[in-house]
Amino acid sequence: MPSGVVNLAEKFAKVSEFWSPRVVAEMNDYQFKVAKFEGEFIWHDHQETDEVFLVISGSMGIEFREGTVRLSEGEMYVVPRGVEHKPFADSECHVLLIEPRGVVNTGDEGGDLEAENDVWV
């Protein structure tokens, strides 16, 4: 049997930069990415896909033009495709992102917080 066990704590320990998702697994055309959040991200959207945020530790929020969703450890939220949003975390938060391969963290916005895509840890 192939080894497919992914230890999230070990993977998070290898991530040093905030807002830089790193791939830990793939299923079909979807990637599972670990990311550390702290502070505020930028307003952006993903026109072609939904985006899943699953909080592993800490807490975070996702700001929308119509309001804010707050997530605690063990909670998840699906941002529908094309919906503008801005994630934030008051203190370090560990998040598992689930999205199709090739999705750029800043959508089409670019900027200083755009992370290199498809980097594995």
Protein backbone atom coordinates (compact mmCIF):
# COMPACT_ATOMS: atom_id res chain seq x y z
CA MET A 1 0.00 0.00 0.00
CA PRO A 2 1.47 3.42 -0.93
CA SER A 3 2.18 5.91 1.83
CA GLY A 4 -0.48 8.60 1.64
CA VAL A 5 -0.47 9.87 5.22
CA VAL A 6 -0.12 13.64 5.46
CA ASN A 7 0.71 15.00 8.89
CA LEU A 8 -0.64 18.56 8.88
CA ALA A 9 1.34 19.65 11.96
CA GLU A 10 4.59 18.62 10.22
CA LYS A 11 3.55 20.44 7.04
CA PHE A 12 2.59 23.65 8.89
CA ALA A 13 5.99 23.56 10.66
CA LYS A 14 7.66 23.84 7.23
CA VAL A 15 5.73 26.99 6.29
CA SER A 16 7.37 30.21 7.44
CA GLU A 17 5.64 32.93 5.40
CA PHE A 18 2.11 34.18 5.95
CA TRP A 19 -0.31 34.10 2.98
CA SER A 20 1.85 31.61 1.03
CA PRO A 21 -0.18 28.43 0.48
CA ARG A 22 1.82 25.23 0.06
CA VAL A 23 0.46 22.04 -1.51
CA VAL A 24 0.36 18.92 0.67
CA ALA A 25 -1.85 16.61 -1.42
CA GLU A 26 -3.85 16.31 -4.62
CA MET A 27 -7.09 14.53 -5.41
CA ASN A 28 -8.07 14.46 -9.08
CA ASP A 29 -7.58 18.09 -10.16
CA TYR A 30 -7.91 19.53 -6.63
CA GLN A 31 -5.12 20.57 -4.32
CA PHE A 32 -5.04 20.63 -0.54
CA LYS A 33 -2.89 23.55 0.61
CA VAL A 34 -1.69 24.57 4.07
CA ALA A 35 -1.32 28.27 4.78
CA LYS A 36 -0.58 30.47 7.75
CA PHE A 37 -2.63 33.65 7.98
CA GLU A 38 -1.93 36.74 10.06
CA GLY A 39 -3.00 40.30 9.40
CA GLU A 40 -5.07 41.23 6.37
CA PHE A 41 -4.99 39.86 2.85
CA ILE A 42 -6.29 41.75 -0.21
CA TRP A 43 -9.71 42.00 -1.82
CA HIS A 44 -9.90 39.44 -4.64
CA ASP A 45 -12.10 36.82 -6.25
CA HIS A 46 -11.75 33.60 -8.22
CA GLN A 47 -13.93 33.76 -11.31
CA GLU A 48 -13.58 30.09 -12.24
CA THR A 49 -13.91 28.25 -8.92
CA ASP A 50 -15.21 28.08 -5.37
CA GLU A 51 -12.62 28.18 -2.56
CA VAL A 52 -12.73 26.23 0.71
CA PHE A 53 -11.22 27.55 3.95
CA LEU A 54 -10.91 24.98 6.79
CA VAL A 55 -9.44 26.33 10.03
CA ILE A 56 -7.05 23.84 11.63
CA SER A 57 -5.94 26.07 14.50
CA GLY A 58 -6.65 29.63 15.56
CA SER A 59 -9.41 31.78 14.12
CA MET A 60 -9.92 33.98 11.10
CA GLY A 61 -12.47 36.03 9.26
CA ILE A 62 -13.49 36.49 5.67
CA GLU A 63 -14.73 39.94 4.83
CA PHE A 64 -17.32 40.34 2.09
CA ARG A 65 -18.83 43.53 0.70
CA GLU A 66 -22.08 42.59 2.52
CA GLY A 67 -20.58 41.48 5.85
CA THR A 68 -18.06 39.22 7.57
CA VAL A 69 -17.89 35.49 8.31
CA ARG A 70 -15.81 34.42 11.31
CA LEU A 71 -14.31 30.94 11.56
CA SER A 72 -12.86 29.12 14.56
CA GLU A 73 -10.84 25.94 14.83
CA GLY A 74 -12.63 23.04 13.12
CA GLU A 75 -14.93 25.27 11.05
CA MET A 76 -14.97 25.70 7.31
CA TYR A 77 -16.53 27.99 4.76
CA VAL A 78 -16.95 27.78 0.99
CA VAL A 79 -16.54 31.07 -0.86
CA PRO A 80 -18.53 30.77 -4.11
CA ARG A 81 -16.83 31.50 -7.40
CA GLY A 82 -16.76 35.12 -8.42
CA VAL A 83 -17.49 36.47 -4.92
CA GLU A 84 -15.09 39.20 -3.83
CA HIS A 85 -13.58 38.50 -0.41
CA LYS A 86 -10.72 39.48 1.91
CA PRO A 87 -9.43 36.97 4.48
CA PHE A 88 -7.87 38.20 7.72
CA ALA A 89 -6.59 36.86 11.03
CA ASP A 90 -5.89 38.89 14.17
CA SER A 91 -3.21 36.39 15.21
CA GLU A 92 -1.55 33.40 13.55
CA CYS A 93 -4.11 31.01 12.09
CA HIS A 94 -3.46 27.70 10.32
CA VAL A 95 -5.77 27.02 7.37
CA LEU A 96 -6.28 24.17 4.94
CA LEU A 97 -7.37 25.46 1.52
CA ILE A 98 -9.05 23.19 -1.01
CA GLU A 99 -9.17 24.42 -4.59
CA PRO A 100 -8.40 23.28 -8.15
CA ARG A 101 -4.79 22.99 -9.25
CA GLY A 102 -3.44 26.26 -10.63
CA VAL A 103 -5.56 28.70 -8.60
CA VAL A 104 -3.56 31.83 -7.72
CA ASN A 105 -4.05 33.04 -4.14
CA THR A 106 -4.70 36.65 -5.21
CA GLY A 107 -7.01 35.80 -8.11
CA ASP A 108 -6.34 38.31 -10.91
CA GLU A 109 -5.28 41.07 -8.47
CA GLY A 110 -1.56 40.21 -8.28
CA GLY A 111 0.56 42.35 -5.94
CA ASP A 112 3.05 41.74 -3.17
CA LEU A 113 1.02 38.96 -1.53
CA GLU A 114 0.76 36.80 -4.66
CA ALA A 115 2.43 33.50 -3.77
CA GLU A 116 4.29 31.21 -6.11
CA ASN A 117 1.83 28.58 -7.28
CA ASP A 118 2.06 24.76 -6.98
CA VAL A 119 4.83 24.73 -4.36
CA TRP A 120 4.81 21.50 -2.35
CA VAL A 121 5.93 20.95 1.26
